[in-house]
């Protein structure tokens, strides 16, 4: 950090815009001693919600909180939502997919950074079995064993793309899909950038924290278990449900997800 601060001093920056607000960003601000603007991470309202289930959270997406941080610079929201650029070499041709996927498919995101954000294996299998539309499974190499189990238990309307595509190629498939079913994860936000119809599935975290899809297709829907005494249990995520029942995910109605997906497809 000392070396980094020394390098930054040489650049003679005018301002610091701190959208992280942690010990490292504080160290940089202290070292450079220039005017800084720091995001409001609403940590106390999050604490109240997690610990006491008292909702004092602002009705504001994190994107808008970021923009509010730089209001001094006369920056305004252009209303065009998020951007995601896919290099031409990473565009996936539909001709490379099985024949029954070339006239349309939906994407199911299998993974998430934390276990309590991820859909249970049995839920994903049940959803795939009940869907009549072609389904592409997307995710990283960490989810390959999960995806193989889904593939083994489902029909030929499921194509396993987990671990086979890099992030840009997965984004290309998201862009070409008709609908995306996803937990709270990076591909959800990529889907929002392409204005996709998103069925977002929420576990231990809640959309009120401000991380829900930003300006997706208006037909998008949020699925969550409201009123659960232990939800939210953390603002970031855990490996496993602290209570052992994982009701925040397990209690979400699979049939409602399938029915909505079929209607919006």
Protein backbone atom coordinates (compact mmCIF):
# COMPACT_ATOMS: atom_id res chain seq x y z
CA UNK A 1 0.00 0.00 0.00
CA UNK A 2 2.83 2.40 0.79
CA UNK A 3 4.32 1.84 -2.67
CA UNK A 4 0.92 2.32 -4.30
CA UNK A 5 0.32 5.59 -2.42
CA UNK A 6 3.77 6.84 -3.48
CA UNK A 7 2.99 6.03 -7.12
CA UNK A 8 -0.38 7.77 -6.93
CA UNK A 9 1.19 10.90 -5.45
CA UNK A 10 3.38 11.23 -8.54
CA UNK A 11 0.25 11.43 -10.71
CA UNK A 12 -1.00 14.53 -8.83
CA UNK A 13 -4.67 13.65 -9.02
CA UNK A 14 -7.20 16.35 -8.13
CA UNK A 15 -9.85 14.18 -6.49
CA UNK A 16 -10.53 10.70 -5.18
CA UNK A 17 -13.89 9.04 -5.81
CA UNK A 18 -14.15 6.17 -3.34
CA UNK A 19 -16.85 3.67 -4.30
CA UNK A 20 -15.43 0.97 -2.01
CA UNK A 21 -15.22 2.61 1.41
CA UNK A 22 -12.97 0.09 3.14
CA UNK A 23 -9.68 0.17 5.04
CA UNK A 24 -7.60 0.10 1.85
CA UNK A 25 -9.42 2.98 0.21
CA UNK A 26 -9.19 4.90 3.51
CA UNK A 27 -5.42 4.33 3.50
CA UNK A 28 -5.17 5.81 0.01
CA UNK A 29 -7.26 8.85 0.96
CA UNK A 30 -5.17 9.44 4.08
CA UNK A 31 -1.95 9.11 2.13
CA UNK A 32 -2.86 11.42 -0.76
CA UNK A 33 -4.57 14.11 1.34
CA UNK A 34 -6.69 15.46 -1.51
CA UNK A 35 -10.41 16.13 -1.77
CA UNK A 36 -12.34 12.85 -1.78
CA UNK A 37 -15.92 11.75 -2.30
CA UNK A 38 -17.01 8.52 -0.62
CA UNK A 39 -20.04 6.36 -1.32
CA UNK A 40 -22.64 5.83 1.39
CA UNK A 41 -22.63 2.05 1.89
CA UNK A 42 -25.68 2.30 4.19
CA UNK A 43 -23.99 -0.12 6.59
CA UNK A 44 -26.04 0.91 9.64
CA UNK A 45 -29.44 0.40 7.92
CA UNK A 46 -28.12 -2.94 6.65
CA UNK A 47 -27.12 -3.88 10.20
CA UNK A 48 -30.57 -2.97 11.50
CA UNK A 49 -32.20 -5.11 8.82
CA UNK A 50 -29.91 -8.11 9.34
CA UNK A 51 -29.83 -8.04 13.14
CA UNK A 52 -33.28 -6.74 14.08
CA UNK A 53 -35.28 -6.92 10.81
CA UNK A 54 -35.93 -3.17 11.06
CA UNK A 55 -36.14 -1.78 7.54
CA UNK A 56 -34.60 1.70 7.29
CA UNK A 57 -33.04 0.99 3.90
CA UNK A 58 -33.37 3.72 1.24
CA UNK A 59 -35.34 2.84 -1.89
CA UNK A 60 -32.28 3.41 -4.06
CA UNK A 61 -30.26 1.13 -6.30
CA UNK A 62 -26.50 0.98 -5.70
CA UNK A 63 -25.96 2.49 -9.17
CA UNK A 64 -27.87 5.57 -8.06
CA UNK A 65 -25.91 5.68 -4.80
CA UNK A 66 -22.72 5.66 -6.85
CA UNK A 67 -24.04 8.49 -9.04
CA UNK A 68 -25.03 10.44 -5.94
CA UNK A 69 -21.42 10.19 -4.75
CA UNK A 70 -20.26 12.24 -7.75
CA UNK A 71 -23.10 14.80 -7.86
CA UNK A 72 -20.44 17.50 -7.18
CA UNK A 73 -19.20 16.95 -10.75
CA UNK A 74 -22.58 17.56 -12.37
CA UNK A 75 -22.81 13.95 -13.50
CA UNK A 76 -26.35 12.89 -14.35
CA UNK A 77 -27.92 9.55 -15.14
CA UNK A 78 -28.47 9.20 -18.90
CA UNK A 79 -31.27 6.71 -18.25
CA UNK A 80 -29.77 4.16 -20.64
CA UNK A 81 -28.97 1.55 -18.00
CA UNK A 82 -25.81 -0.55 -17.91
CA UNK A 83 -23.33 -1.29 -20.69
CA UNK A 84 -21.50 -4.51 -21.46
CA UNK A 85 -19.14 -4.82 -24.43
CA UNK A 86 -18.48 -8.22 -26.01
CA UNK A 87 -15.37 -8.45 -28.23
CA UNK A 88 -16.26 -9.81 -31.69
CA UNK A 89 -14.09 -12.89 -31.18
CA UNK A 90 -16.17 -13.86 -28.15
CA UNK A 91 -19.55 -13.74 -29.87
CA UNK A 92 -21.08 -17.24 -29.84
CA UNK A 93 -22.87 -18.29 -33.03
CA UNK A 94 -26.23 -19.98 -32.54
CA UNK A 95 -25.17 -22.35 -35.33
CA UNK A 96 -22.73 -23.89 -32.84
CA UNK A 97 -25.59 -24.91 -30.55
CA UNK A 98 -27.80 -28.02 -30.92
CA UNK A 99 -30.51 -27.70 -33.56
CA UNK A 100 -33.35 -27.33 -31.06
CA UNK A 101 -31.62 -24.27 -29.53
CA UNK A 102 -31.18 -22.27 -32.72
CA UNK A 103 -34.71 -20.84 -32.72
CA UNK A 104 -34.66 -19.61 -29.14
CA UNK A 105 -33.70 -20.68 -25.62
CA UNK A 106 -33.64 -19.47 -22.06
CA UNK A 107 -30.54 -19.29 -19.86
CA UNK A 108 -30.32 -20.73 -16.35
CA UNK A 109 -27.39 -19.46 -14.26
CA UNK A 110 -26.18 -22.28 -12.02
CA UNK A 111 -23.67 -20.54 -9.77
CA UNK A 112 -23.11 -17.62 -7.43
CA UNK A 113 -20.19 -16.31 -5.41
CA UNK A 114 -21.65 -17.55 -2.12
CA UNK A 115 -23.52 -20.76 -1.34
CA UNK A 116 -26.47 -18.94 0.22
CA UNK A 117 -27.05 -17.05 -3.05
CA UNK A 118 -26.99 -20.16 -5.20
CA UNK A 119 -30.10 -22.10 -6.15
CA UNK A 120 -30.13 -25.62 -4.64
CA UNK A 121 -29.34 -28.44 -7.06
CA UNK A 122 -32.74 -30.08 -6.59
CA UNK A 123 -34.52 -26.80 -7.38
CA UNK A 124 -32.62 -26.36 -10.63
CA UNK A 125 -33.28 -29.97 -11.67
CA UNK A 126 -36.99 -29.60 -10.94
CA UNK A 127 -37.22 -26.34 -12.88
CA UNK A 128 -35.43 -27.82 -15.89
CA UNK A 129 -37.67 -30.90 -15.89
CA UNK A 130 -40.80 -28.77 -15.82
CA UNK A 131 -39.68 -26.30 -18.50
CA UNK A 132 -40.63 -27.24 -22.05
CA UNK A 133 -38.35 -24.63 -23.63
CA UNK A 134 -34.67 -25.22 -24.48
CA UNK A 135 -32.46 -24.34 -21.49
CA UNK A 136 -28.77 -23.44 -21.57
CA UNK A 137 -26.93 -23.88 -18.27
CA UNK A 138 -24.34 -21.17 -17.66
CA UNK A 139 -21.70 -20.79 -14.98
CA UNK A 140 -18.01 -21.08 -14.22
CA UNK A 141 -15.70 -24.03 -13.74
CA UNK A 142 -16.62 -24.20 -10.04
CA UNK A 143 -20.15 -25.23 -10.98
CA UNK A 144 -19.21 -27.96 -13.46
CA UNK A 145 -20.00 -30.85 -11.13
CA UNK A 146 -23.39 -29.32 -10.29
CA UNK A 147 -24.15 -28.81 -13.99
CA UNK A 148 -23.25 -32.42 -14.81
CA UNK A 149 -25.73 -33.63 -12.18
CA UNK A 150 -28.43 -31.39 -13.69
CA UNK A 151 -27.58 -32.70 -17.15
CA UNK A 152 -27.80 -36.34 -15.96
CA UNK A 153 -31.24 -35.87 -14.40
CA UNK A 154 -32.89 -33.83 -17.17
CA UNK A 155 -33.94 -34.19 -20.80
CA UNK A 156 -32.47 -33.16 -24.16
CA UNK A 157 -33.96 -29.68 -23.83
CA UNK A 158 -31.04 -28.89 -21.49
CA UNK A 159 -27.62 -27.95 -22.89
CA UNK A 160 -24.72 -27.82 -20.44
CA UNK A 161 -22.56 -24.78 -21.16
CA UNK A 162 -21.11 -24.48 -17.66
CA UNK A 163 -17.34 -24.02 -17.69
CA UNK A 164 -17.27 -24.23 -21.49
CA UNK A 165 -17.51 -20.50 -22.13
CA UNK A 166 -15.56 -17.54 -20.79
CA UNK A 167 -17.41 -14.60 -19.24
CA UNK A 168 -17.77 -12.72 -22.55
CA UNK A 169 -19.02 -15.83 -24.36
CA UNK A 170 -21.51 -16.44 -21.57
CA UNK A 171 -22.59 -12.81 -21.95
CA UNK A 172 -23.08 -13.43 -25.68
CA UNK A 173 -25.42 -16.33 -24.91
CA UNK A 174 -27.24 -14.22 -22.33
CA UNK A 175 -27.72 -11.51 -24.95
CA UNK A 176 -29.15 -14.00 -27.45
CA UNK A 177 -31.47 -15.69 -24.95
CA UNK A 178 -35.16 -14.92 -24.63
CA UNK A 179 -35.20 -15.10 -20.85
CA UNK A 180 -32.73 -15.49 -17.98
CA UNK A 181 -33.33 -17.33 -14.70
CA UNK A 182 -30.59 -16.39 -12.28
CA UNK A 183 -29.68 -15.92 -8.65
CA UNK A 184 -28.10 -12.67 -7.41
CA UNK A 185 -24.83 -12.92 -9.35
CA UNK A 186 -22.72 -11.26 -12.01
CA UNK A 187 -24.55 -12.74 -15.00
CA UNK A 188 -27.76 -11.28 -13.59
CA UNK A 189 -26.29 -7.79 -13.97
CA UNK A 190 -24.97 -8.62 -17.44
CA UNK A 191 -28.49 -9.70 -18.38
CA UNK A 192 -29.78 -6.35 -17.10
CA UNK A 193 -27.27 -4.57 -19.34
CA UNK A 194 -28.86 -6.31 -22.34
CA UNK A 195 -32.40 -5.42 -21.15
CA UNK A 196 -33.32 -9.09 -20.87
CA UNK A 197 -36.38 -10.51 -19.17
CA UNK A 198 -34.92 -11.66 -15.86
CA UNK A 199 -36.40 -13.97 -13.26
CA UNK A 200 -34.07 -13.28 -10.34
CA UNK A 201 -34.10 -15.82 -7.51
CA UNK A 202 -33.12 -14.45 -4.09
CA UNK A 203 -31.78 -16.41 -1.13
CA UNK A 204 -30.32 -14.92 2.02
CA UNK A 205 -29.92 -11.40 0.61
CA UNK A 206 -32.78 -9.06 -0.25
CA UNK A 207 -33.34 -6.74 -3.23
CA UNK A 208 -33.77 -3.84 -0.78
CA UNK A 209 -29.99 -3.81 -0.30
CA UNK A 210 -29.95 -2.19 -3.74
CA UNK A 211 -28.32 -4.91 -5.83
CA UNK A 212 -31.36 -5.99 -7.87
CA UNK A 213 -31.20 -5.95 -11.72
CA UNK A 214 -30.76 -2.36 -12.85
CA UNK A 215 -33.23 -1.29 -15.54
CA UNK A 216 -33.87 -4.70 -17.17
CA UNK A 217 -36.86 -5.55 -19.35
CA UNK A 218 -39.98 -4.31 -17.49
CA UNK A 219 -41.44 -7.83 -17.58
CA UNK A 220 -38.69 -9.04 -15.23
CA UNK A 221 -39.75 -10.60 -11.93
CA UNK A 222 -38.20 -11.12 -8.50
CA UNK A 223 -38.76 -14.38 -6.62
CA UNK A 224 -38.06 -14.43 -2.90
CA UNK A 225 -39.38 -15.78 0.40
CA UNK A 226 -40.76 -12.73 2.17
CA UNK A 227 -41.35 -12.55 5.91
CA UNK A 228 -38.86 -15.27 6.85
CA UNK A 229 -37.66 -14.61 10.39
CA UNK A 230 -33.97 -15.25 9.61
CA UNK A 231 -33.75 -13.40 6.28
CA UNK A 232 -31.54 -11.52 5.50
CA UNK A 233 -28.85 -13.26 7.53
CA UNK A 234 -25.88 -11.38 6.06
CA UNK A 235 -25.22 -8.56 3.61
CA UNK A 236 -22.66 -10.48 1.54
CA UNK A 237 -23.09 -14.23 1.76
CA UNK A 238 -22.22 -17.45 3.53
CA UNK A 239 -21.08 -20.86 2.39
CA UNK A 240 -24.10 -22.57 3.94
CA UNK A 241 -27.38 -21.61 5.58
CA UNK A 242 -26.60 -20.78 9.24
CA UNK A 243 -29.89 -22.36 10.30
CA UNK A 244 -29.47 -25.48 8.18
CA UNK A 245 -32.87 -25.32 6.48
CA UNK A 246 -32.15 -22.86 3.63
CA UNK A 247 -35.84 -21.95 3.54
CA UNK A 248 -35.12 -18.62 1.83
CA UNK A 249 -34.39 -20.62 -1.33
CA UNK A 250 -36.23 -23.88 -0.71
CA UNK A 251 -39.58 -22.20 -0.01
CA UNK A 252 -39.66 -20.39 -3.36
CA UNK A 253 -42.31 -22.02 -5.54
CA UNK A 254 -40.67 -23.79 -8.49
CA UNK A 255 -44.00 -24.00 -10.32
CA UNK A 256 -44.39 -20.22 -10.13
CA UNK A 257 -40.94 -19.76 -11.67
CA UNK A 258 -41.74 -22.23 -14.49
CA UNK A 259 -45.17 -20.72 -15.09
CA UNK A 260 -43.75 -17.19 -15.30
CA UNK A 261 -40.89 -18.29 -17.56
CA UNK A 262 -43.35 -19.99 -19.93
CA UNK A 263 -45.57 -16.91 -20.05
CA UNK A 264 -42.68 -14.52 -20.77
CA UNK A 265 -40.71 -16.76 -23.14
